[in-house]
Amino acid sequence: MTKRVAILISGGGSNMVALADSMTGDHPARPCLVLANTAGAGGLARAAERGIPTAVVDHRPFGKDRPAFEAELTRVLEEARPDILCLAGFMRVLTEGFVTRWQGRMLNIHPSLLPKYRGLHTHARAIEAGDAEHGCTVHEVTPELDGGPILGQASLPILAEDTPESLAARVLPLEHRLYPEALRRFAGGDRRRFTLA
């Protein structure tokens, strides 16, 4: 049975596009919704161009009431009946209650080789640490920030001249290859950890 995938975004949605465009042919999943937490997210138009239903749950009217924001997120998501949630640049920290509700069905892509550099500013931190390589990780989402089971990773060497910005720009195409492959495997029932060649 084809799995239904909801993709959560906050910005331009380049990883969303990579995921959506991969879900064709014999892929075991199809996109059922792209949901943004701001109406200005550029990825909404890119989803609409692809015929994918879109929705917005703006976090701002909820202020600091994260459970109320997440209750509305859940309501909109449940209407779309997704089997899998993919966080693709969704810039809101989710509470344990929300994560637990979807645990085992929610994926995220993180721009570091986890368990290194959970959280923000990963590219700068990798350079500052003098690391030889850097990359990205797709993992299952658990209540522990960037701490869920790792599904797949891709890496590249850090160059002497790299800045955080240049390194981020070099890692992004890796993300666009890794996330679709991880989703394809996960949707097909394969949760074994892999490294992208």
C-alpha atoms as a PDB file:
ATOM      1  CA  MET A   1       0.000   0.000   0.000  1.00  0.00           C
ATOM      2  CA  THR A   2       1.349   3.440  -0.953  1.00  0.00           C
ATOM      3  CA  LYS A   3       2.328   5.545   2.035  1.00  0.00           C
ATOM      4  CA  ARG A   4       1.067   9.110   2.392  1.00  0.00           C
ATOM      5  CA  VAL A   5       3.733  11.701   3.253  1.00  0.00           C
ATOM      6  CA  ALA A   6       3.210  15.148   4.784  1.00  0.00           C
ATOM      7  CA  ILE A   7       6.193  17.504   4.508  1.00  0.00           C
ATOM      8  CA  LEU A   8       6.615  20.350   7.012  1.00  0.00           C
ATOM      9  CA  ILE A   9       8.538  23.448   5.907  1.00  0.00           C
ATOM     10  CA  SER A  10       9.341  26.983   7.021  1.00  0.00           C
ATOM     11  CA  GLY A  11      11.174  28.440   4.012  1.00  0.00           C
ATOM     12  CA  GLY A  12      11.988  27.863   0.380  1.00  0.00           C
ATOM     13  CA  GLY A  13      11.473  24.135   0.576  1.00  0.00           C
ATOM     14  CA  SER A  14      14.451  22.835  -1.405  1.00  0.00           C
ATOM     15  CA  ASN A  15      14.474  19.559   0.539  1.00  0.00           C
ATOM     16  CA  MET A  16      10.688  19.348   0.149  1.00  0.00           C
ATOM     17  CA  VAL A  17      11.126  19.661  -3.622  1.00  0.00           C
ATOM     18  CA  ALA A  18      13.764  16.922  -3.619  1.00  0.00           C
ATOM     19  CA  LEU A  19      11.433  14.655  -1.630  1.00  0.00           C
ATOM     20  CA  ALA A  20       8.335  15.425  -3.684  1.00  0.00           C
ATOM     21  CA  ASP A  21      10.094  15.004  -7.018  1.00  0.00           C
ATOM     22  CA  SER A  22      11.477  11.630  -5.906  1.00  0.00           C
ATOM     23  CA  MET A  23       8.050  10.171  -5.098  1.00  0.00           C
ATOM     24  CA  THR A  24       7.205   8.861  -8.563  1.00  0.00           C
ATOM     25  CA  GLY A  25       7.204   5.560 -10.394  1.00  0.00           C
ATOM     26  CA  ASP A  26       7.834   2.599  -8.107  1.00  0.00           C
ATOM     27  CA  HIS A  27       8.432   4.773  -5.027  1.00  0.00           C
ATOM     28  CA  PRO A  28       6.445   3.361  -2.065  1.00  0.00           C
ATOM     29  CA  ALA A  29       5.116   6.809  -1.049  1.00  0.00           C
ATOM     30  CA  ARG A  30       3.386   9.898  -2.412  1.00  0.00           C
ATOM     31  CA  PRO A  31       3.121  13.436  -0.996  1.00  0.00           C
ATOM     32  CA  CYS A  32      -0.294  14.243   0.487  1.00  0.00           C
ATOM     33  CA  LEU A  33       0.400  17.677   2.053  1.00  0.00           C
ATOM     34  CA  VAL A  34       3.004  20.412   2.366  1.00  0.00           C
ATOM     35  CA  LEU A  35       2.433  22.353   5.581  1.00  0.00           C
ATOM     36  CA  ALA A  36       4.224  25.587   6.496  1.00  0.00           C
ATOM     37  CA  ASN A  37       4.297  27.589   9.722  1.00  0.00           C
ATOM     38  CA  THR A  38       4.317  30.871   7.798  1.00  0.00           C
ATOM     39  CA  ALA A  39       2.276  31.976   4.802  1.00  0.00           C
ATOM     40  CA  GLY A  40       5.436  33.524   3.311  1.00  0.00           C
ATOM     41  CA  ALA A  41       7.232  30.191   2.961  1.00  0.00           C
ATOM     42  CA  GLY A  42       8.440  30.030  -0.631  1.00  0.00           C
ATOM     43  CA  GLY A  43       8.030  26.268  -0.675  1.00  0.00           C
ATOM     44  CA  LEU A  44       4.222  26.587  -0.673  1.00  0.00           C
ATOM     45  CA  ALA A  45       4.210  27.872  -4.250  1.00  0.00           C
ATOM     46  CA  ARG A  46       6.661  25.180  -5.300  1.00  0.00           C
ATOM     47  CA  ALA A  47       4.368  22.536  -3.802  1.00  0.00           C
ATOM     48  CA  ALA A  48       1.302  24.020  -5.484  1.00  0.00           C
ATOM     49  CA  GLU A  49       3.145  23.940  -8.839  1.00  0.00           C
ATOM     50  CA  ARG A  50       3.483  20.196  -8.321  1.00  0.00           C
ATOM     51  CA  GLY A  51      -0.204  19.748  -7.507  1.00  0.00           C
ATOM     52  CA  ILE A  52       0.467  18.944  -3.846  1.00  0.00           C
ATOM     53  CA  PRO A  53      -2.142  20.225  -1.358  1.00  0.00           C
ATOM     54  CA  THR A  54      -0.781  22.932   0.945  1.00  0.00           C
ATOM     55  CA  ALA A  55      -1.722  24.368   4.321  1.00  0.00           C
ATOM     56  CA  VAL A  56      -0.438  27.045   6.677  1.00  0.00           C
ATOM     57  CA  VAL A  57      -0.538  26.972  10.471  1.00  0.00           C
ATOM     58  CA  ASP A  58       1.059  30.277  11.456  1.00  0.00           C
ATOM     59  CA  HIS A  59       2.797  29.913  14.810  1.00  0.00           C
ATOM     60  CA  ARG A  60       2.765  33.639  15.590  1.00  0.00           C
ATOM     61  CA  PRO A  61      -0.868  34.037  16.770  1.00  0.00           C
ATOM     62  CA  PHE A  62      -0.206  31.314  19.351  1.00  0.00           C
ATOM     63  CA  GLY A  63       2.632  33.288  20.979  1.00  0.00           C
ATOM     64  CA  LYS A  64       4.426  31.070  23.469  1.00  0.00           C
ATOM     65  CA  ASP A  65       1.548  28.556  23.642  1.00  0.00           C
ATOM     66  CA  ARG A  66       3.286  25.726  21.795  1.00  0.00           C
ATOM     67  CA  PRO A  67       0.709  23.065  22.765  1.00  0.00           C
ATOM     68  CA  ALA A  68      -2.074  25.159  21.192  1.00  0.00           C
ATOM     69  CA  PHE A  69      -0.019  25.645  18.009  1.00  0.00           C
ATOM     70  CA  GLU A  70       0.706  21.928  17.875  1.00  0.00           C
ATOM     71  CA  ALA A  71      -2.945  21.047  18.469  1.00  0.00           C
ATOM     72  CA  GLU A  72      -3.816  23.021  15.323  1.00  0.00           C
ATOM     73  CA  LEU A  73      -0.897  21.402  13.464  1.00  0.00           C
ATOM     74  CA  THR A  74      -2.223  17.999  14.481  1.00  0.00           C
ATOM     75  CA  ARG A  75      -5.765  18.861  13.393  1.00  0.00           C
ATOM     76  CA  VAL A  76      -4.599  19.900   9.926  1.00  0.00           C
ATOM     77  CA  LEU A  77      -2.269  16.914   9.613  1.00  0.00           C
ATOM     78  CA  GLU A  78      -4.928  14.425  10.670  1.00  0.00           C
ATOM     79  CA  GLU A  79      -7.243  15.725   7.940  1.00  0.00           C
ATOM     80  CA  ALA A  80      -4.524  14.797   5.415  1.00  0.00           C
ATOM     81  CA  ARG A  81      -4.110  11.307   6.969  1.00  0.00           C
ATOM     82  CA  PRO A  82      -0.326  10.999   6.516  1.00  0.00           C
ATOM     83  CA  ASP A  83       1.520   7.775   7.279  1.00  0.00           C
ATOM     84  CA  ILE A  84       4.879   9.600   7.483  1.00  0.00           C
ATOM     85  CA  LEU A  85       5.871  13.150   8.427  1.00  0.00           C
ATOM     86  CA  CYS A  86       9.042  14.641   6.957  1.00  0.00           C
ATOM     87  CA  LEU A  87      10.493  17.732   8.602  1.00  0.00           C
ATOM     88  CA  ALA A  88      12.248  19.656   5.836  1.00  0.00           C
ATOM     89  CA  GLY A  89      13.576  22.899   7.245  1.00  0.00           C
ATOM     90  CA  PHE A  90      10.698  23.237   9.706  1.00  0.00           C
ATOM     91  CA  MET A  91      12.095  25.792  12.121  1.00  0.00           C
ATOM     92  CA  ARG A  92       9.945  25.135  15.168  1.00  0.00           C
ATOM     93  CA  VAL A  93      11.035  23.021  18.120  1.00  0.00           C
ATOM     94  CA  LEU A  94       8.303  20.457  18.708  1.00  0.00           C
ATOM     95  CA  THR A  95       7.179  19.406  22.171  1.00  0.00           C
ATOM     96  CA  GLU A  96       7.450  15.911  23.552  1.00  0.00           C
ATOM     97  CA  GLY A  97       3.671  15.539  23.299  1.00  0.00           C
ATOM     98  CA  PHE A  98       3.626  16.216  19.564  1.00  0.00           C
ATOM     99  CA  VAL A  99       6.698  14.093  18.864  1.00  0.00           C
ATOM    100  CA  THR A 100       5.319  11.164  20.862  1.00  0.00           C
ATOM    101  CA  ARG A 101       2.051  11.366  18.901  1.00  0.00           C
ATOM    102  CA  TRP A 102       3.946  10.816  15.618  1.00  0.00           C
ATOM    103  CA  GLN A 103       6.995   8.903  16.852  1.00  0.00           C
ATOM    104  CA  GLY A 104       8.087   6.076  14.591  1.00  0.00           C
ATOM    105  CA  ARG A 105       6.566   7.922  11.630  1.00  0.00           C
ATOM    106  CA  MET A 106       8.477  11.235  11.643  1.00  0.00           C
ATOM    107  CA  LEU A 107      11.795  11.930   9.904  1.00  0.00           C
ATOM    108  CA  ASN A 108      14.142  14.916   9.942  1.00  0.00           C
ATOM    109  CA  ILE A 109      17.262  15.928   8.058  1.00  0.00           C
ATOM    110  CA  HIS A 110      20.019  17.579  10.061  1.00  0.00           C
ATOM    111  CA  PRO A 111      23.108  19.315   8.598  1.00  0.00           C
ATOM    112  CA  SER A 112      25.804  17.470  10.531  1.00  0.00           C
ATOM    113  CA  LEU A 113      27.139  13.970  11.002  1.00  0.00           C
ATOM    114  CA  LEU A 114      25.145  13.166  14.111  1.00  0.00           C
ATOM    115  CA  PRO A 115      25.728  12.625  16.966  1.00  0.00           C
ATOM    116  CA  LYS A 116      28.078  15.554  16.346  1.00  0.00           C
ATOM    117  CA  TYR A 117      26.659  19.071  16.445  1.00  0.00           C
ATOM    118  CA  ARG A 118      23.042  18.732  17.433  1.00  0.00           C
ATOM    119  CA  GLY A 119      21.122  21.984  17.227  1.00  0.00           C
ATOM    120  CA  LEU A 120      22.173  25.072  15.285  1.00  0.00           C
ATOM    121  CA  HIS A 121      25.289  26.526  13.599  1.00  0.00           C
ATOM    122  CA  THR A 122      26.550  23.082  12.608  1.00  0.00           C
ATOM    123  CA  HIS A 123      28.773  24.223   9.736  1.00  0.00           C
ATOM    124  CA  ALA A 124      30.628  26.809  11.811  1.00  0.00           C
ATOM    125  CA  ARG A 125      31.049  24.346  14.667  1.00  0.00           C
ATOM    126  CA  ALA A 126      32.529  21.667  12.371  1.00  0.00           C
ATOM    127  CA  ILE A 127      35.039  24.155  10.949  1.00  0.00           C
ATOM    128  CA  GLU A 128      35.947  25.527  14.395  1.00  0.00           C
ATOM    129  CA  ALA A 129      36.551  21.989  15.660  1.00  0.00           C
ATOM    130  CA  GLY A 130      39.010  21.329  12.825  1.00  0.00           C
ATOM    131  CA  ASP A 131      36.990  18.378  11.535  1.00  0.00           C
ATOM    132  CA  ALA A 132      38.209  16.706   8.350  1.00  0.00           C
ATOM    133  CA  GLU A 133      34.680  15.948   7.145  1.00  0.00           C
ATOM    134  CA  HIS A 134      31.127  17.161   7.522  1.00  0.00           C
ATOM    135  CA  GLY A 135      27.781  16.209   6.074  1.00  0.00           C
ATOM    136  CA  CYS A 136      24.160  15.494   6.859  1.00  0.00           C
ATOM    137  CA  THR A 137      22.020  12.931   8.631  1.00  0.00           C
ATOM    138  CA  VAL A 138      18.451  11.701   8.254  1.00  0.00           C
ATOM    139  CA  HIS A 139      17.064  10.420  11.531  1.00  0.00           C
ATOM    140  CA  GLU A 140      13.825   9.458  13.169  1.00  0.00           C
ATOM    141  CA  VAL A 141      12.465  12.209  15.401  1.00  0.00           C
ATOM    142  CA  THR A 142      12.272  11.515  19.130  1.00  0.00           C
ATOM    143  CA  PRO A 143      11.745  13.904  22.056  1.00  0.00           C
ATOM    144  CA  GLU A 144      15.541  14.238  22.390  1.00  0.00           C
ATOM    145  CA  LEU A 145      16.669  17.027  20.026  1.00  0.00           C
ATOM    146  CA  ASP A 146      18.421  15.519  16.976  1.00  0.00           C
ATOM    147  CA  GLY A 147      18.795  12.324  19.000  1.00  0.00           C
ATOM    148  CA  GLY A 148      16.606   9.756  17.249  1.00  0.00           C
ATOM    149  CA  PRO A 149      17.801   6.616  15.449  1.00  0.00           C
ATOM    150  CA  ILE A 150      19.998   7.448  12.462  1.00  0.00           C
ATOM    151  CA  LEU A 151      18.685   6.191   9.108  1.00  0.00           C
ATOM    152  CA  GLY A 152      21.300   7.526   6.716  1.00  0.00           C
ATOM    153  CA  GLN A 153      24.298   9.820   6.380  1.00  0.00           C
ATOM    154  CA  ALA A 154      26.318  11.474   3.620  1.00  0.00           C
ATOM    155  CA  SER A 155      29.647  13.229   4.035  1.00  0.00           C
ATOM    156  CA  LEU A 156      32.205  15.357   2.214  1.00  0.00           C
ATOM    157  CA  PRO A 157      35.656  16.704   3.096  1.00  0.00           C
ATOM    158  CA  ILE A 158      35.981  20.117   4.699  1.00  0.00           C
ATOM    159  CA  LEU A 159      38.262  22.283   2.582  1.00  0.00           C
ATOM    160  CA  ALA A 160      40.877  24.647   4.014  1.00  0.00           C
ATOM    161  CA  GLU A 161      39.114  27.614   2.438  1.00  0.00           C
ATOM    162  CA  ASP A 162      35.611  26.641   3.592  1.00  0.00           C
ATOM    163  CA  THR A 163      33.484  29.179   5.423  1.00  0.00           C
ATOM    164  CA  PRO A 164      30.238  28.229   7.200  1.00  0.00           C
ATOM    165  CA  GLU A 165      28.376  29.604   4.174  1.00  0.00           C
ATOM    166  CA  SER A 166      30.410  27.736   1.554  1.00  0.00           C
ATOM    167  CA  LEU A 167      30.221  24.528   3.564  1.00  0.00           C
ATOM    168  CA  ALA A 168      26.446  24.873   3.909  1.00  0.00           C
ATOM    169  CA  ALA A 169      26.179  25.386   0.136  1.00  0.00           C
ATOM    170  CA  ARG A 170      28.241  22.243  -0.497  1.00  0.00           C
ATOM    171  CA  VAL A 171      26.268  20.113   1.967  1.00  0.00           C
ATOM    172  CA  LEU A 172      22.850  21.098   0.578  1.00  0.00           C
ATOM    173  CA  PRO A 173      23.105  18.995  -2.627  1.00  0.00           C
ATOM    174  CA  LEU A 174      24.045  16.040  -0.400  1.00  0.00           C
ATOM    175  CA  GLU A 175      20.856  16.629   1.590  1.00  0.00           C
ATOM    176  CA  HIS A 176      18.866  16.599  -1.648  1.00  0.00           C
ATOM    177  CA  ARG A 177      20.245  13.144  -2.456  1.00  0.00           C
ATOM    178  CA  LEU A 178      20.217  11.662   1.041  1.00  0.00           C
ATOM    179  CA  TYR A 179      16.713  12.591   2.201  1.00  0.00           C
ATOM    180  CA  PRO A 180      14.853  11.063  -0.790  1.00  0.00           C
ATOM    181  CA  GLU A 181      16.861   7.841  -0.489  1.00  0.00           C
ATOM    182  CA  ALA A 182      16.185   7.631   3.253  1.00  0.00           C
ATOM    183  CA  LEU A 183      12.468   8.232   2.715  1.00  0.00           C
ATOM    184  CA  ARG A 184      12.264   5.607  -0.027  1.00  0.00           C
ATOM    185  CA  ARG A 185      13.868   3.013   2.257  1.00  0.00           C
ATOM    186  CA  PHE A 186      11.810   4.019   5.309  1.00  0.00           C
ATOM    187  CA  ALA A 187       8.509   4.017   3.402  1.00  0.00           C
ATOM    188  CA  GLY A 188       9.397   0.564   2.098  1.00  0.00           C
ATOM    189  CA  GLY A 189       9.942  -0.714   5.637  1.00  0.00           C
ATOM    190  CA  ASP A 190      13.753  -0.660   5.637  1.00  0.00           C
ATOM    191  CA  ARG A 191      15.107   1.156   8.706  1.00  0.00           C
ATOM    192  CA  ARG A 192      18.671  -0.136   8.467  1.00  0.00           C
ATOM    193  CA  ARG A 193      21.312   2.570   8.685  1.00  0.00           C
ATOM    194  CA  PHE A 194      23.093   3.352   5.402  1.00  0.00           C
ATOM    195  CA  THR A 195      25.776   5.666   4.093  1.00  0.00           C
ATOM    196  CA  LEU A 196      25.232   7.405   0.785  1.00  0.00           C
ATOM    197  CA  ALA A 197      28.032   6.597  -1.632  1.00  0.00           C
END
